[in-house]
């Protein structure tokens, strides 16, 4: 994850798996012009971010967990354009 010119590496297999899938869905959103497809891929992003936000191994004191949680929140907010208030429910 990149933040203010600094690259953060999140050492977590759950994060890495979901991040990869999430970024692929976002890439698909950016490469299609069809609103229906954008909505489908945006829903996929929400699914992957919810998995990260609801992680059973989350530890509030671990920096990796804090960074992962922040990453997931930002990604979820980024698809609000396609899904509106449904994303935040």
PDB file of N, CA and C in Angstrom:
ATOM      1  N   UNK A   1       0.855  -1.172   0.000  1.00  0.00           N
ATOM      2  CA  UNK A   1       0.000   0.000   0.000  1.00  0.00           C
ATOM      3  C   UNK A   1       0.895   1.227   0.000  1.00  0.00           C
ATOM      4  N   UNK A   2       0.561   2.196  -0.801  1.00  0.00           N
ATOM      5  CA  UNK A   2       1.359   3.403  -0.902  1.00  0.00           C
ATOM      6  C   UNK A   2       0.657   4.531  -0.162  1.00  0.00           C
ATOM      7  N   UNK A   3       1.422   5.271   0.639  1.00  0.00           N
ATOM      8  CA  UNK A   3       0.836   6.360   1.407  1.00  0.00           C
ATOM      9  C   UNK A   3       1.878   7.459   1.556  1.00  0.00           C
ATOM     10  N   UNK A   4       1.604   8.628   0.985  1.00  0.00           N
ATOM     11  CA  UNK A   4       2.503   9.778   1.087  1.00  0.00           C
ATOM     12  C   UNK A   4       3.925   9.444   0.648  1.00  0.00           C
ATOM     13  N   UNK A   5       4.067   8.682  -0.413  1.00  0.00           N
ATOM     14  CA  UNK A   5       5.388   8.368  -0.924  1.00  0.00           C
ATOM     15  C   UNK A   5       6.072   7.214  -0.228  1.00  0.00           C
ATOM     16  N   UNK A   6       5.473   6.678   0.811  1.00  0.00           N
ATOM     17  CA  UNK A   6       6.044   5.563   1.544  1.00  0.00           C
ATOM     18  C   UNK A   6       5.305   4.294   1.156  1.00  0.00           C
ATOM     19  N   UNK A   7       6.059   3.235   0.922  1.00  0.00           N
ATOM     20  CA  UNK A   7       5.444   1.965   0.576  1.00  0.00           C
ATOM     21  C   UNK A   7       5.339   1.123   1.839  1.00  0.00           C
ATOM     22  N   UNK A   8       4.128   0.666   2.136  1.00  0.00           N
ATOM     23  CA  UNK A   8       3.893  -0.185   3.279  1.00  0.00           C
ATOM     24  C   UNK A   8       3.666  -1.608   2.791  1.00  0.00           C
ATOM     25  N   UNK A   9       4.372  -2.538   3.383  1.00  0.00           N
ATOM     26  CA  UNK A   9       4.168  -3.938   3.067  1.00  0.00           C
ATOM     27  C   UNK A   9       3.383  -4.542   4.220  1.00  0.00           C
ATOM     28  N   UNK A  10       2.266  -5.151   3.895  1.00  0.00           N
ATOM     29  CA  UNK A  10       1.433  -5.775   4.916  1.00  0.00           C
ATOM     30  C   UNK A  10       1.675  -7.279   4.852  1.00  0.00           C
ATOM     31  N   UNK A  11       2.301  -7.790   5.878  1.00  0.00           N
ATOM     32  CA  UNK A  11       2.673  -9.202   5.926  1.00  0.00           C
ATOM     33  C   UNK A  11       1.542 -10.035   6.506  1.00  0.00           C
ATOM     34  N   UNK A  12       0.629 -10.407   5.634  1.00  0.00           N
ATOM     35  CA  UNK A  12      -0.508 -11.210   6.063  1.00  0.00           C
ATOM     36  C   UNK A  12      -1.053 -11.945   4.839  1.00  0.00           C
ATOM     37  N   UNK A  13      -1.152 -13.272   4.880  1.00  0.00           N
ATOM     38  CA  UNK A  13      -1.663 -14.001   3.718  1.00  0.00           C
ATOM     39  C   UNK A  13      -3.122 -13.681   3.406  1.00  0.00           C
ATOM     40  N   UNK A  14      -3.919 -13.384   4.415  1.00  0.00           N
ATOM     41  CA  UNK A  14      -5.326 -13.024   4.193  1.00  0.00           C
ATOM     42  C   UNK A  14      -5.397 -11.702   3.433  1.00  0.00           C
ATOM     43  N   UNK A  15      -4.603 -10.742   3.869  1.00  0.00           N
ATOM     44  CA  UNK A  15      -4.571  -9.444   3.194  1.00  0.00           C
ATOM     45  C   UNK A  15      -4.071  -9.594   1.760  1.00  0.00           C
ATOM     46  N   UNK A  16      -2.998 -10.329   1.580  1.00  0.00           N
ATOM     47  CA  UNK A  16      -2.395 -10.464   0.253  1.00  0.00           C
ATOM     48  C   UNK A  16      -3.356 -11.103  -0.733  1.00  0.00           C
ATOM     49  N   UNK A  17      -4.063 -12.144  -0.305  1.00  0.00           N
ATOM     50  CA  UNK A  17      -5.025 -12.816  -1.184  1.00  0.00           C
ATOM     51  C   UNK A  17      -6.159 -11.859  -1.571  1.00  0.00           C
ATOM     52  N   UNK A  18      -6.780 -11.243  -0.571  1.00  0.00           N
ATOM     53  CA  UNK A  18      -7.915 -10.357  -0.834  1.00  0.00           C
ATOM     54  C   UNK A  18      -7.492  -9.094  -1.560  1.00  0.00           C
ATOM     55  N   UNK A  19      -6.309  -8.585  -1.265  1.00  0.00           N
ATOM     56  CA  UNK A  19      -5.805  -7.386  -1.936  1.00  0.00           C
ATOM     57  C   UNK A  19      -5.645  -7.666  -3.424  1.00  0.00           C
ATOM     58  N   UNK A  20      -5.083  -8.800  -3.748  1.00  0.00           N
ATOM     59  CA  UNK A  20      -4.891  -9.176  -5.141  1.00  0.00           C
ATOM     60  C   UNK A  20      -6.229  -9.256  -5.882  1.00  0.00           C
ATOM     61  N   UNK A  21      -7.201  -9.920  -5.298  1.00  0.00           N
ATOM     62  CA  UNK A  21      -8.527 -10.049  -5.908  1.00  0.00           C
ATOM     63  C   UNK A  21      -9.226  -8.698  -6.014  1.00  0.00           C
ATOM     64  N   UNK A  22      -9.099  -7.902  -4.963  1.00  0.00           N
ATOM     65  CA  UNK A  22      -9.720  -6.582  -4.909  1.00  0.00           C
ATOM     66  C   UNK A  22      -9.152  -5.669  -5.992  1.00  0.00           C
ATOM     67  N   UNK A  23      -7.833  -5.642  -6.120  1.00  0.00           N
ATOM     68  CA  UNK A  23      -7.210  -4.781  -7.118  1.00  0.00           C
ATOM     69  C   UNK A  23      -7.534  -5.239  -8.537  1.00  0.00           C
ATOM     70  N   UNK A  24      -7.697  -6.534  -8.733  1.00  0.00           N
ATOM     71  CA  UNK A  24      -8.101  -7.034 -10.047  1.00  0.00           C
ATOM     72  C   UNK A  24      -9.521  -6.564 -10.371  1.00  0.00           C
ATOM     73  N   UNK A  25     -10.404  -6.590  -9.393  1.00  0.00           N
ATOM     74  CA  UNK A  25     -11.772  -6.097  -9.608  1.00  0.00           C
ATOM     75  C   UNK A  25     -11.769  -4.604  -9.915  1.00  0.00           C
ATOM     76  N   UNK A  26     -10.934  -3.850  -9.223  1.00  0.00           N
ATOM     77  CA  UNK A  26     -10.852  -2.406  -9.491  1.00  0.00           C
ATOM     78  C   UNK A  26     -10.285  -2.141 -10.881  1.00  0.00           C
ATOM     79  N   UNK A  27      -9.339  -2.965 -11.315  1.00  0.00           N
ATOM     80  CA  UNK A  27      -8.801  -2.826 -12.659  1.00  0.00           C
ATOM     81  C   UNK A  27      -9.910  -3.048 -13.689  1.00  0.00           C
ATOM     82  N   UNK A  28     -10.754  -4.047 -13.432  1.00  0.00           N
ATOM     83  CA  UNK A  28     -11.867  -4.328 -14.338  1.00  0.00           C
ATOM     84  C   UNK A  28     -12.867  -3.173 -14.370  1.00  0.00           C
ATOM     85  N   UNK A  29     -13.102  -2.551 -13.213  1.00  0.00           N
ATOM     86  CA  UNK A  29     -13.984  -1.377 -13.162  1.00  0.00           C
ATOM     87  C   UNK A  29     -13.442  -0.288 -14.081  1.00  0.00           C
ATOM     88  N   UNK A  30     -12.151  -0.074 -14.028  1.00  0.00           N
ATOM     89  CA  UNK A  30     -11.532   0.995 -14.815  1.00  0.00           C
ATOM     90  C   UNK A  30     -11.468   0.691 -16.308  1.00  0.00           C
ATOM     91  N   UNK A  31     -11.599  -0.574 -16.678  1.00  0.00           N
ATOM     92  CA  UNK A  31     -11.460  -0.947 -18.082  1.00  0.00           C
ATOM     93  C   UNK A  31     -12.781  -1.227 -18.790  1.00  0.00           C
ATOM     94  N   UNK A  32     -13.881  -1.076 -18.099  1.00  0.00           N
ATOM     95  CA  UNK A  32     -15.164  -1.287 -18.766  1.00  0.00           C
ATOM     96  C   UNK A  32     -15.943   0.020 -18.813  1.00  0.00           C
ATOM     97  N   UNK A  33     -16.751   0.148 -19.835  1.00  0.00           N
ATOM     98  CA  UNK A  33     -17.602   1.329 -19.965  1.00  0.00           C
ATOM     99  C   UNK A  33     -19.049   1.016 -19.624  1.00  0.00           C
ATOM    100  N   UNK A  34     -19.337  -0.233 -19.354  1.00  0.00           N
ATOM    101  CA  UNK A  34     -20.710  -0.655 -19.085  1.00  0.00           C
ATOM    102  C   UNK A  34     -21.027  -0.499 -17.595  1.00  0.00           C
ATOM    103  N   UNK A  35     -22.005   0.322 -17.254  1.00  0.00           N
ATOM    104  CA  UNK A  35     -22.371   0.545 -15.850  1.00  0.00           C
ATOM    105  C   UNK A  35     -22.717  -0.742 -15.098  1.00  0.00           C
ATOM    106  N   UNK A  36     -23.371  -1.687 -15.766  1.00  0.00           N
ATOM    107  CA  UNK A  36     -23.751  -2.942 -15.104  1.00  0.00           C
ATOM    108  C   UNK A  36     -22.506  -3.718 -14.692  1.00  0.00           C
ATOM    109  N   UNK A  37     -21.516  -3.767 -15.571  1.00  0.00           N
ATOM    110  CA  UNK A  37     -20.270  -4.462 -15.234  1.00  0.00           C
ATOM    111  C   UNK A  37     -19.536  -3.744 -14.109  1.00  0.00           C
ATOM    112  N   UNK A  38     -19.516  -2.410 -14.160  1.00  0.00           N
ATOM    113  CA  UNK A  38     -18.874  -1.645 -13.090  1.00  0.00           C
ATOM    114  C   UNK A  38     -19.511  -1.975 -11.743  1.00  0.00           C
ATOM    115  N   UNK A  39     -20.828  -2.082 -11.728  1.00  0.00           N
ATOM    116  CA  UNK A  39     -21.531  -2.388 -10.488  1.00  0.00           C
ATOM    117  C   UNK A  39     -21.183  -3.793  -9.985  1.00  0.00           C
ATOM    118  N   UNK A  40     -21.109  -4.742 -10.884  1.00  0.00           N
ATOM    119  CA  UNK A  40     -20.761  -6.115 -10.498  1.00  0.00           C
ATOM    120  C   UNK A  40     -19.356  -6.149  -9.887  1.00  0.00           C
ATOM    121  N   UNK A  41     -18.404  -5.505 -10.548  1.00  0.00           N
ATOM    122  CA  UNK A  41     -17.029  -5.497 -10.030  1.00  0.00           C
ATOM    123  C   UNK A  41     -16.932  -4.700  -8.729  1.00  0.00           C
ATOM    124  N   UNK A  42     -17.723  -3.643  -8.608  1.00  0.00           N
ATOM    125  CA  UNK A  42     -17.739  -2.867  -7.364  1.00  0.00           C
ATOM    126  C   UNK A  42     -18.271  -3.720  -6.217  1.00  0.00           C
ATOM    127  N   UNK A  43     -19.270  -4.549  -6.497  1.00  0.00           N
ATOM    128  CA  UNK A  43     -19.784  -5.457  -5.468  1.00  0.00           C
ATOM    129  C   UNK A  43     -18.717  -6.470  -5.058  1.00  0.00           C
ATOM    130  N   UNK A  44     -17.907  -6.901  -6.019  1.00  0.00           N
ATOM    131  CA  UNK A  44     -16.784  -7.791  -5.685  1.00  0.00           C
ATOM    132  C   UNK A  44     -15.803  -7.092  -4.754  1.00  0.00           C
ATOM    133  N   UNK A  45     -15.513  -5.820  -5.031  1.00  0.00           N
ATOM    134  CA  UNK A  45     -14.614  -5.049  -4.167  1.00  0.00           C
ATOM    135  C   UNK A  45     -15.175  -5.011  -2.748  1.00  0.00           C
ATOM    136  N   UNK A  46     -16.462  -4.775  -2.622  1.00  0.00           N
ATOM    137  CA  UNK A  46     -17.099  -4.732  -1.302  1.00  0.00           C
ATOM    138  C   UNK A  46     -16.953  -6.087  -0.603  1.00  0.00           C
ATOM    139  N   UNK A  47     -17.135  -7.159  -1.330  1.00  0.00           N
ATOM    140  CA  UNK A  47     -16.995  -8.501  -0.753  1.00  0.00           C
ATOM    141  C   UNK A  47     -15.588  -8.693  -0.193  1.00  0.00           C
ATOM    142  N   UNK A  48     -14.570  -8.349  -0.974  1.00  0.00           N
ATOM    143  CA  UNK A  48     -13.185  -8.534  -0.527  1.00  0.00           C
ATOM    144  C   UNK A  48     -12.835  -7.601   0.631  1.00  0.00           C
ATOM    145  N   UNK A  49     -13.337  -6.370   0.590  1.00  0.00           N
ATOM    146  CA  UNK A  49     -13.044  -5.461   1.701  1.00  0.00           C
ATOM    147  C   UNK A  49     -13.753  -5.908   2.974  1.00  0.00           C
ATOM    148  N   UNK A  50     -14.964  -6.440   2.847  1.00  0.00           N
ATOM    149  CA  UNK A  50     -15.667  -6.935   4.030  1.00  0.00           C
ATOM    150  C   UNK A  50     -14.928  -8.115   4.663  1.00  0.00           C
ATOM    151  N   UNK A  51     -14.302  -8.947   3.829  1.00  0.00           N
ATOM    152  CA  UNK A  51     -13.503 -10.048   4.372  1.00  0.00           C
ATOM    153  C   UNK A  51     -12.328  -9.511   5.172  1.00  0.00           C
ATOM    154  N   UNK A  52     -11.703  -8.445   4.669  1.00  0.00           N
ATOM    155  CA  UNK A  52     -10.580  -7.851   5.394  1.00  0.00           C
ATOM    156  C   UNK A  52     -11.056  -7.152   6.662  1.00  0.00           C
ATOM    157  N   UNK A  53     -12.156  -6.430   6.572  1.00  0.00           N
ATOM    158  CA  UNK A  53     -12.660  -5.691   7.734  1.00  0.00           C
ATOM    159  C   UNK A  53     -13.182  -6.623   8.823  1.00  0.00           C
ATOM    160  N   UNK A  54     -13.656  -7.794   8.437  1.00  0.00           N
ATOM    161  CA  UNK A  54     -14.189  -8.752   9.407  1.00  0.00           C
ATOM    162  C   UNK A  54     -13.216  -9.862   9.757  1.00  0.00           C
ATOM    163  N   UNK A  55     -11.953  -9.653   9.499  1.00  0.00           N
ATOM    164  CA  UNK A  55     -10.928 -10.678   9.709  1.00  0.00           C
ATOM    165  C   UNK A  55     -10.922 -11.175  11.155  1.00  0.00           C
ATOM    166  N   UNK A  56     -11.004 -12.488  11.312  1.00  0.00           N
ATOM    167  CA  UNK A  56     -11.015 -13.089  12.653  1.00  0.00           C
ATOM    168  C   UNK A  56      -9.645 -13.032  13.326  1.00  0.00           C
ATOM    169  N   UNK A  57      -8.597 -12.772  12.553  1.00  0.00           N
ATOM    170  CA  UNK A  57      -7.245 -12.719  13.118  1.00  0.00           C
ATOM    171  C   UNK A  57      -6.784 -11.286  13.390  1.00  0.00           C
ATOM    172  N   UNK A  58      -7.697 -10.338  13.253  1.00  0.00           N
ATOM    173  CA  UNK A  58      -7.338  -8.935  13.446  1.00  0.00           C
ATOM    174  C   UNK A  58      -6.925  -8.672  14.884  1.00  0.00           C
ATOM    175  N   UNK A  59      -5.818  -7.967  15.016  1.00  0.00           N
ATOM    176  CA  UNK A  59      -5.278  -7.577  16.315  1.00  0.00           C
ATOM    177  C   UNK A  59      -5.099  -6.060  16.288  1.00  0.00           C
ATOM    178  N   UNK A  60      -5.871  -5.356  17.085  1.00  0.00           N
ATOM    179  CA  UNK A  60      -5.855  -3.887  17.107  1.00  0.00           C
ATOM    180  C   UNK A  60      -4.466  -3.309  17.373  1.00  0.00           C
ATOM    181  N   UNK A  61      -3.577  -4.096  17.971  1.00  0.00           N
ATOM    182  CA  UNK A  61      -2.252  -3.600  18.338  1.00  0.00           C
ATOM    183  C   UNK A  61      -1.194  -3.830  17.263  1.00  0.00           C
ATOM    184  N   UNK A  62      -1.504  -4.623  16.253  1.00  0.00           N
ATOM    185  CA  UNK A  62      -0.538  -4.910  15.188  1.00  0.00           C
ATOM    186  C   UNK A  62      -0.619  -3.844  14.111  1.00  0.00           C
ATOM    187  N   UNK A  63       0.543  -3.327  13.715  1.00  0.00           N
ATOM    188  CA  UNK A  63       0.598  -2.310  12.658  1.00  0.00           C
ATOM    189  C   UNK A  63       0.063  -2.854  11.342  1.00  0.00           C
ATOM    190  N   UNK A  64       0.385  -4.111  11.013  1.00  0.00           N
ATOM    191  CA  UNK A  64      -0.116  -4.701   9.774  1.00  0.00           C
ATOM    192  C   UNK A  64      -1.642  -4.698   9.757  1.00  0.00           C
ATOM    193  N   UNK A  65      -2.263  -5.020  10.874  1.00  0.00           N
ATOM    194  CA  UNK A  65      -3.726  -5.051  10.952  1.00  0.00           C
ATOM    195  C   UNK A  65      -4.316  -3.645  10.809  1.00  0.00           C
ATOM    196  N   UNK A  66      -3.669  -2.680  11.416  1.00  0.00           N
ATOM    197  CA  UNK A  66      -4.138  -1.296  11.307  1.00  0.00           C
ATOM    198  C   UNK A  66      -4.067  -0.818   9.853  1.00  0.00           C
ATOM    199  N   UNK A  67      -2.958  -1.124   9.187  1.00  0.00           N
ATOM    200  CA  UNK A  67      -2.768  -0.716   7.793  1.00  0.00           C
ATOM    201  C   UNK A  67      -3.764  -1.435   6.885  1.00  0.00           C
ATOM    202  N   UNK A  68      -3.981  -2.709   7.144  1.00  0.00           N
ATOM    203  CA  UNK A  68      -4.927  -3.496   6.350  1.00  0.00           C
ATOM    204  C   UNK A  68      -6.335  -2.931   6.500  1.00  0.00           C
ATOM    205  N   UNK A  69      -6.723  -2.631   7.722  1.00  0.00           N
ATOM    206  CA  UNK A  69      -8.054  -2.097   7.984  1.00  0.00           C
ATOM    207  C   UNK A  69      -8.245  -0.756   7.259  1.00  0.00           C
ATOM    208  N   UNK A  70      -7.252   0.094   7.338  1.00  0.00           N
ATOM    209  CA  UNK A  70      -7.312   1.392   6.663  1.00  0.00           C
ATOM    210  C   UNK A  70      -7.386   1.201   5.147  1.00  0.00           C
ATOM    211  N   UNK A  71      -6.580   0.302   4.613  1.00  0.00           N
ATOM    212  CA  UNK A  71      -6.600  -0.011   3.185  1.00  0.00           C
ATOM    213  C   UNK A  71      -8.000  -0.459   2.766  1.00  0.00           C
ATOM    214  N   UNK A  72      -8.585  -1.381   3.520  1.00  0.00           N
ATOM    215  CA  UNK A  72      -9.912  -1.912   3.188  1.00  0.00           C
ATOM    216  C   UNK A  72     -10.973  -0.813   3.225  1.00  0.00           C
ATOM    217  N   UNK A  73     -10.926   0.040   4.235  1.00  0.00           N
ATOM    218  CA  UNK A  73     -11.899   1.133   4.319  1.00  0.00           C
ATOM    219  C   UNK A  73     -11.797   2.065   3.110  1.00  0.00           C
ATOM    220  N   UNK A  74     -10.580   2.413   2.725  1.00  0.00           N
ATOM    221  CA  UNK A  74     -10.392   3.311   1.583  1.00  0.00           C
ATOM    222  C   UNK A  74     -10.883   2.669   0.296  1.00  0.00           C
ATOM    223  N   UNK A  75     -10.616   1.384   0.130  1.00  0.00           N
ATOM    224  CA  UNK A  75     -11.056   0.696  -1.079  1.00  0.00           C
ATOM    225  C   UNK A  75     -12.576   0.607  -1.129  1.00  0.00           C
ATOM    226  N   UNK A  76     -13.178   0.339   0.009  1.00  0.00           N
ATOM    227  CA  UNK A  76     -14.638   0.252   0.066  1.00  0.00           C
ATOM    228  C   UNK A  76     -15.270   1.599  -0.282  1.00  0.00           C
ATOM    229  N   UNK A  77     -14.701   2.664   0.255  1.00  0.00           N
ATOM    230  CA  UNK A  77     -15.220   4.005  -0.031  1.00  0.00           C
ATOM    231  C   UNK A  77     -15.045   4.369  -1.496  1.00  0.00           C
ATOM    232  N   UNK A  78     -14.018   3.829  -2.134  1.00  0.00           N
ATOM    233  CA  UNK A  78     -13.748   4.181  -3.528  1.00  0.00           C
ATOM    234  C   UNK A  78     -14.805   3.660  -4.498  1.00  0.00           C
ATOM    235  N   UNK A  79     -15.576   2.662  -4.096  1.00  0.00           N
ATOM    236  CA  UNK A  79     -16.609   2.123  -4.988  1.00  0.00           C
ATOM    237  C   UNK A  79     -17.996   2.661  -4.671  1.00  0.00           C
ATOM    238  N   UNK A  80     -18.092   3.593  -3.749  1.00  0.00           N
ATOM    239  CA  UNK A  80     -19.381   4.206  -3.432  1.00  0.00           C
ATOM    240  C   UNK A  80     -20.025   4.832  -4.665  1.00  0.00           C
ATOM    241  N   UNK A  81     -19.222   5.319  -5.589  1.00  0.00           N
ATOM    242  CA  UNK A  81     -19.730   5.938  -6.809  1.00  0.00           C
ATOM    243  C   UNK A  81     -20.645   4.974  -7.554  1.00  0.00           C
ATOM    244  N   UNK A  82     -20.278   3.697  -7.555  1.00  0.00           N
ATOM    245  CA  UNK A  82     -21.031   2.706  -8.310  1.00  0.00           C
ATOM    246  C   UNK A  82     -22.184   2.103  -7.521  1.00  0.00           C
ATOM    247  N   UNK A  83     -22.068   2.082  -6.219  1.00  0.00           N
ATOM    248  CA  UNK A  83     -23.083   1.397  -5.421  1.00  0.00           C
ATOM    249  C   UNK A  83     -23.852   2.312  -4.486  1.00  0.00           C
ATOM    250  N   UNK A  84     -23.415   3.537  -4.310  1.00  0.00           N
ATOM    251  CA  UNK A  84     -24.117   4.477  -3.442  1.00  0.00           C
ATOM    252  C   UNK A  84     -24.123   4.028  -1.998  1.00  0.00           C
ATOM    253  N   UNK A  85     -25.184   4.323  -1.306  1.00  0.00           N
ATOM    254  CA  UNK A  85     -25.295   4.032   0.124  1.00  0.00           C
ATOM    255  C   UNK A  85     -25.298   2.529   0.420  1.00  0.00           C
ATOM    256  N   UNK A  86     -25.578   1.716  -0.568  1.00  0.00           N
ATOM    257  CA  UNK A  86     -25.610   0.267  -0.365  1.00  0.00           C
ATOM    258  C   UNK A  86     -24.268  -0.253   0.143  1.00  0.00           C
ATOM    259  N   UNK A  87     -23.159   0.392  -0.238  1.00  0.00           N
ATOM    260  CA  UNK A  87     -21.824  -0.037   0.168  1.00  0.00           C
ATOM    261  C   UNK A  87     -21.636   0.077   1.669  1.00  0.00           C
ATOM    262  N   UNK A  88     -22.156   1.129   2.250  1.00  0.00           N
ATOM    263  CA  UNK A  88     -21.896   1.390   3.662  1.00  0.00           C
ATOM    264  C   UNK A  88     -22.858   0.659   4.588  1.00  0.00           C
ATOM    265  N   UNK A  89     -23.811  -0.052   4.059  1.00  0.00           N
ATOM    266  CA  UNK A  89     -24.785  -0.773   4.892  1.00  0.00           C
ATOM    267  C   UNK A  89     -24.170  -1.952   5.595  1.00  0.00           C
TER     268      UNK A  89
END
